[in-house]
């Protein structure tokens, strides 16, 4: 199975959990996303170093939230690329993207 297949399958399972609990921030949902990150991404040949208070970082719930956030970042980058996005778009269209994010956050 490819990493994309693992991510897709696991996200569908996590969506079922979120529907069951009717809460996207439920600990089980976050843990499922974190597990997806561990299975599909953490074994790649690059390292992401998370800085912070080690007391908090040792807390499994905090670590799960960080892994879920990293998964969303990777997934967003994949979707961006699939829709034709390029690195240089960030340079030239940054202000337009900020306006769109602000408009979305006010909804």
N, C-alpha and C. Protein backbone atom coordinates (compact mmCIF):
# COMPACT_ATOMS: atom_id res chain seq x y z
N UNK A 1 0.84 -1.19 0.00
CA UNK A 1 0.00 0.00 0.00
C UNK A 1 0.88 1.24 0.00
N UNK A 2 0.44 2.25 -0.73
CA UNK A 2 1.18 3.50 -0.75
C UNK A 2 0.81 4.35 0.47
N UNK A 3 1.62 5.32 0.74
CA UNK A 3 1.34 6.24 1.86
C UNK A 3 0.02 6.98 1.63
N UNK A 4 -0.26 7.31 0.37
CA UNK A 4 -1.52 7.99 0.05
C UNK A 4 -2.71 7.10 0.38
N UNK A 5 -2.60 5.81 0.09
CA UNK A 5 -3.68 4.87 0.41
C UNK A 5 -3.90 4.79 1.92
N UNK A 6 -2.80 4.74 2.67
CA UNK A 6 -2.90 4.66 4.13
C UNK A 6 -3.57 5.92 4.67
N UNK A 7 -3.13 7.08 4.18
CA UNK A 7 -3.71 8.34 4.64
C UNK A 7 -5.20 8.39 4.31
N UNK A 8 -5.54 8.04 3.08
CA UNK A 8 -6.94 8.09 2.65
C UNK A 8 -7.81 7.15 3.49
N UNK A 9 -7.36 5.91 3.66
CA UNK A 9 -8.13 4.92 4.43
C UNK A 9 -8.30 5.37 5.88
N UNK A 10 -7.22 5.84 6.48
CA UNK A 10 -7.29 6.24 7.89
C UNK A 10 -8.14 7.48 8.09
N UNK A 11 -8.07 8.42 7.16
CA UNK A 11 -8.88 9.63 7.30
C UNK A 11 -10.37 9.28 7.21
N UNK A 12 -10.71 8.31 6.36
CA UNK A 12 -12.11 7.87 6.30
C UNK A 12 -12.55 7.25 7.62
N UNK A 13 -11.67 6.45 8.24
CA UNK A 13 -11.99 5.86 9.53
C UNK A 13 -12.15 6.93 10.61
N UNK A 14 -11.25 7.91 10.58
CA UNK A 14 -11.32 8.99 11.56
C UNK A 14 -12.58 9.82 11.35
N UNK A 15 -13.00 10.00 10.10
CA UNK A 15 -14.24 10.73 9.82
C UNK A 15 -15.43 9.99 10.45
N UNK A 16 -15.42 8.67 10.38
CA UNK A 16 -16.48 7.89 11.03
C UNK A 16 -16.47 8.10 12.54
N UNK A 17 -15.27 8.16 13.13
CA UNK A 17 -15.17 8.43 14.57
C UNK A 17 -15.72 9.83 14.90
N UNK A 18 -15.35 10.80 14.09
CA UNK A 18 -15.81 12.17 14.32
C UNK A 18 -17.34 12.25 14.21
N UNK A 19 -17.90 11.53 13.24
CA UNK A 19 -19.36 11.48 13.10
C UNK A 19 -20.01 10.82 14.32
N UNK A 20 -19.41 9.74 14.81
CA UNK A 20 -19.94 9.02 15.96
C UNK A 20 -19.95 9.92 17.20
N UNK A 21 -18.81 10.57 17.47
CA UNK A 21 -18.71 11.43 18.65
C UNK A 21 -19.30 12.81 18.42
N UNK A 22 -19.61 13.14 17.16
CA UNK A 22 -20.12 14.46 16.79
C UNK A 22 -19.19 15.56 17.30
N UNK A 23 -17.87 15.28 17.18
CA UNK A 23 -16.88 16.21 17.70
C UNK A 23 -15.55 15.96 17.00
N UNK A 24 -15.12 16.95 16.21
CA UNK A 24 -13.83 16.81 15.51
C UNK A 24 -12.65 16.87 16.45
N UNK A 25 -12.84 17.40 17.66
CA UNK A 25 -11.72 17.55 18.59
C UNK A 25 -11.72 16.49 19.70
N UNK A 26 -12.54 15.48 19.56
CA UNK A 26 -12.57 14.40 20.55
C UNK A 26 -11.20 13.72 20.58
N UNK A 27 -10.77 13.30 21.78
CA UNK A 27 -9.44 12.68 21.93
C UNK A 27 -9.24 11.49 21.00
N UNK A 28 -10.28 10.70 20.78
CA UNK A 28 -10.17 9.53 19.89
C UNK A 28 -9.94 9.95 18.44
N UNK A 29 -10.57 11.03 18.03
CA UNK A 29 -10.40 11.54 16.67
C UNK A 29 -8.98 12.06 16.48
N UNK A 30 -8.51 12.84 17.44
CA UNK A 30 -7.15 13.37 17.39
C UNK A 30 -6.14 12.23 17.40
N UNK A 31 -6.37 11.23 18.24
CA UNK A 31 -5.46 10.08 18.32
C UNK A 31 -5.44 9.31 17.00
N UNK A 32 -6.58 9.20 16.35
CA UNK A 32 -6.63 8.53 15.05
C UNK A 32 -5.84 9.27 13.99
N UNK A 33 -5.94 10.59 14.00
CA UNK A 33 -5.15 11.39 13.05
C UNK A 33 -3.67 11.29 13.36
N UNK A 34 -3.32 11.32 14.65
CA UNK A 34 -1.92 11.18 15.05
C UNK A 34 -1.36 9.83 14.62
N UNK A 35 -2.17 8.80 14.75
CA UNK A 35 -1.74 7.47 14.33
C UNK A 35 -1.52 7.41 12.82
N UNK A 36 -2.35 8.11 12.08
CA UNK A 36 -2.18 8.19 10.63
C UNK A 36 -0.84 8.83 10.30
N UNK A 37 -0.50 9.91 11.00
CA UNK A 37 0.78 10.56 10.80
C UNK A 37 1.92 9.60 11.10
N UNK A 38 1.81 8.87 12.23
CA UNK A 38 2.87 7.92 12.60
C UNK A 38 3.03 6.83 11.55
N UNK A 39 1.92 6.30 11.05
CA UNK A 39 1.97 5.21 10.07
C UNK A 39 2.51 5.65 8.72
N UNK A 40 2.07 6.81 8.25
CA UNK A 40 2.32 7.17 6.86
C UNK A 40 3.45 8.17 6.65
N UNK A 41 3.73 8.99 7.63
CA UNK A 41 4.65 10.10 7.38
C UNK A 41 5.90 10.05 8.24
N UNK A 42 5.77 9.65 9.50
CA UNK A 42 6.91 9.75 10.41
C UNK A 42 8.09 8.86 10.00
N UNK A 43 7.85 7.89 9.15
CA UNK A 43 8.95 7.01 8.72
C UNK A 43 9.69 7.53 7.50
N UNK A 44 9.32 8.69 6.99
CA UNK A 44 10.02 9.27 5.84
C UNK A 44 11.41 9.74 6.26
N UNK A 45 12.25 10.02 5.27
CA UNK A 45 13.65 10.33 5.54
C UNK A 45 13.91 11.79 5.88
N UNK A 46 12.99 12.46 6.51
CA UNK A 46 13.23 13.81 6.99
C UNK A 46 12.69 13.89 8.42
N UNK A 47 13.21 14.84 9.15
CA UNK A 47 12.82 14.98 10.54
C UNK A 47 12.25 16.36 10.78
N UNK A 48 11.15 16.40 11.50
CA UNK A 48 10.57 17.65 11.94
C UNK A 48 10.83 17.74 13.43
N UNK A 49 11.53 18.78 13.82
CA UNK A 49 11.86 18.96 15.23
C UNK A 49 10.86 19.92 15.84
N UNK A 50 10.19 19.46 16.88
CA UNK A 50 9.20 20.28 17.59
C UNK A 50 9.86 20.79 18.87
N UNK A 51 9.91 22.10 18.98
CA UNK A 51 10.50 22.72 20.15
C UNK A 51 9.41 23.11 21.13
N UNK A 52 9.73 22.99 22.40
CA UNK A 52 8.77 23.38 23.42
C UNK A 52 9.16 22.81 24.76
N UNK A 53 8.34 23.07 25.72
CA UNK A 53 8.57 22.56 27.07
C UNK A 53 8.42 21.04 27.05
N UNK A 54 9.49 20.35 27.42
CA UNK A 54 9.48 18.88 27.34
C UNK A 54 8.41 18.27 28.24
N UNK A 55 8.04 18.96 29.30
CA UNK A 55 6.99 18.46 30.18
C UNK A 55 5.67 18.32 29.41
N UNK A 56 5.37 19.30 28.57
CA UNK A 56 4.15 19.24 27.78
C UNK A 56 4.29 18.26 26.62
N UNK A 57 5.46 18.24 26.00
CA UNK A 57 5.65 17.39 24.83
C UNK A 57 5.61 15.90 25.18
N UNK A 58 5.89 15.57 26.42
CA UNK A 58 5.80 14.16 26.84
C UNK A 58 4.35 13.71 27.05
N UNK A 59 3.46 14.66 27.21
CA UNK A 59 2.04 14.34 27.37
C UNK A 59 1.52 13.79 26.05
N UNK A 60 0.99 12.58 26.07
CA UNK A 60 0.56 11.90 24.84
C UNK A 60 -0.55 12.66 24.12
N UNK A 61 -1.43 13.30 24.86
CA UNK A 61 -2.51 14.08 24.22
C UNK A 61 -1.94 15.28 23.46
N UNK A 62 -0.94 15.93 24.03
CA UNK A 62 -0.30 17.06 23.35
C UNK A 62 0.45 16.56 22.12
N UNK A 63 1.18 15.45 22.28
CA UNK A 63 1.92 14.87 21.15
C UNK A 63 0.96 14.48 20.03
N UNK A 64 -0.21 13.94 20.38
CA UNK A 64 -1.20 13.58 19.36
C UNK A 64 -1.70 14.82 18.62
N UNK A 65 -1.93 15.90 19.34
CA UNK A 65 -2.39 17.14 18.69
C UNK A 65 -1.33 17.68 17.73
N UNK A 66 -0.07 17.58 18.13
CA UNK A 66 1.02 18.04 17.27
C UNK A 66 1.09 17.18 16.01
N UNK A 67 1.02 15.85 16.18
CA UNK A 67 1.06 14.95 15.02
C UNK A 67 -0.13 15.18 14.10
N UNK A 68 -1.32 15.40 14.67
CA UNK A 68 -2.51 15.67 13.84
C UNK A 68 -2.32 16.96 13.06
N UNK A 69 -1.76 17.97 13.69
CA UNK A 69 -1.51 19.24 13.01
C UNK A 69 -0.50 19.07 11.89
N UNK A 70 0.54 18.30 12.14
CA UNK A 70 1.54 18.02 11.09
C UNK A 70 0.90 17.26 9.93
N UNK A 71 0.01 16.31 10.24
CA UNK A 71 -0.69 15.58 9.18
C UNK A 71 -1.51 16.54 8.32
N UNK A 72 -2.20 17.49 8.96
CA UNK A 72 -2.98 18.46 8.20
C UNK A 72 -2.09 19.31 7.31
N UNK A 73 -0.92 19.67 7.81
CA UNK A 73 0.02 20.44 7.01
C UNK A 73 0.48 19.68 5.78
N UNK A 74 0.82 18.41 5.97
CA UNK A 74 1.26 17.58 4.85
C UNK A 74 0.10 17.37 3.87
N UNK A 75 -1.06 17.08 4.39
CA UNK A 75 -2.24 16.86 3.53
C UNK A 75 -2.58 18.12 2.74
N UNK A 76 -2.47 19.26 3.38
CA UNK A 76 -2.73 20.53 2.69
C UNK A 76 -1.73 20.75 1.56
N UNK A 77 -0.48 20.43 1.83
CA UNK A 77 0.56 20.58 0.79
C UNK A 77 0.29 19.65 -0.39
N UNK A 78 -0.16 18.43 -0.10
CA UNK A 78 -0.47 17.48 -1.17
C UNK A 78 -1.64 18.01 -2.01
N UNK A 79 -2.69 18.46 -1.35
CA UNK A 79 -3.85 19.00 -2.07
C UNK A 79 -3.47 20.23 -2.87
N UNK A 80 -2.65 21.11 -2.30
CA UNK A 80 -2.18 22.31 -2.98
C UNK A 80 -1.47 21.91 -4.28
N UNK A 81 -0.59 20.94 -4.17
CA UNK A 81 0.17 20.50 -5.35
C UNK A 81 -0.76 19.85 -6.38
N UNK A 82 -1.71 19.04 -5.93
CA UNK A 82 -2.63 18.38 -6.85
C UNK A 82 -3.50 19.38 -7.61
N UNK A 83 -3.76 20.52 -6.99
CA UNK A 83 -4.59 21.54 -7.63
C UNK A 83 -3.76 22.54 -8.44
N UNK A 84 -2.47 22.23 -8.61
CA UNK A 84 -1.62 23.06 -9.45
C UNK A 84 -0.84 24.14 -8.72
N UNK A 85 -0.85 24.09 -7.40
CA UNK A 85 -0.11 25.08 -6.62
C UNK A 85 1.39 24.85 -6.70
N UNK A 86 2.14 25.93 -6.66
CA UNK A 86 3.60 25.87 -6.68
C UNK A 86 4.15 26.76 -5.58
N UNK A 87 5.40 26.52 -5.21
CA UNK A 87 6.02 27.32 -4.15
C UNK A 87 5.98 28.81 -4.46
N UNK A 88 6.22 29.15 -5.70
CA UNK A 88 6.29 30.57 -6.04
C UNK A 88 4.95 31.26 -5.91
N UNK A 89 3.84 30.50 -5.88
CA UNK A 89 2.53 31.10 -5.65
C UNK A 89 2.47 31.79 -4.28
N UNK A 90 3.16 31.20 -3.29
CA UNK A 90 3.18 31.81 -1.97
C UNK A 90 3.82 33.19 -2.02
N UNK A 91 4.82 33.33 -2.83
CA UNK A 91 5.52 34.61 -2.95
C UNK A 91 4.65 35.66 -3.63
N UNK A 92 4.04 35.29 -4.75
CA UNK A 92 3.30 36.27 -5.55
C UNK A 92 1.85 36.47 -5.13
N UNK A 93 1.24 35.47 -4.50
CA UNK A 93 -0.17 35.56 -4.16
C UNK A 93 -0.44 35.56 -2.66
N UNK A 94 0.57 35.86 -1.87
CA UNK A 94 0.44 35.81 -0.42
C UNK A 94 -0.68 36.71 0.09
N UNK A 95 -0.70 37.96 -0.33
CA UNK A 95 -1.72 38.89 0.18
C UNK A 95 -3.13 38.44 -0.19
N UNK A 96 -3.28 37.91 -1.38
CA UNK A 96 -4.58 37.39 -1.81
C UNK A 96 -5.01 36.21 -0.94
N UNK A 97 -4.06 35.32 -0.63
CA UNK A 97 -4.38 34.16 0.21
C UNK A 97 -4.74 34.60 1.63
N UNK A 98 -4.04 35.58 2.16
CA UNK A 98 -4.35 36.08 3.50
C UNK A 98 -5.77 36.64 3.55
N UNK A 99 -6.15 37.39 2.53
CA UNK A 99 -7.51 37.95 2.46
C UNK A 99 -8.55 36.82 2.43
N UNK A 100 -8.28 35.77 1.66
CA UNK A 100 -9.22 34.66 1.56
C UNK A 100 -9.33 33.92 2.89
N UNK A 101 -8.21 33.73 3.57
CA UNK A 101 -8.25 33.05 4.88
C UNK A 101 -9.03 33.88 5.88
N UNK A 102 -8.82 35.19 5.88
CA UNK A 102 -9.58 36.06 6.79
C UNK A 102 -11.07 36.01 6.48
N UNK A 103 -11.41 35.98 5.21
CA UNK A 103 -12.82 35.90 4.83
C UNK A 103 -13.41 34.56 5.29
N UNK A 104 -12.67 33.49 5.15
CA UNK A 104 -13.15 32.17 5.59
C UNK A 104 -13.27 32.09 7.11
N UNK A 105 -12.34 32.71 7.81
CA UNK A 105 -12.38 32.64 9.28
C UNK A 105 -13.52 33.45 9.86
N UNK A 106 -14.09 34.36 9.11
CA UNK A 106 -15.23 35.14 9.61
C UNK A 106 -16.57 34.44 9.39
N UNK A 107 -16.55 33.32 8.71
CA UNK A 107 -17.80 32.57 8.42
C UNK A 107 -18.24 31.84 9.66
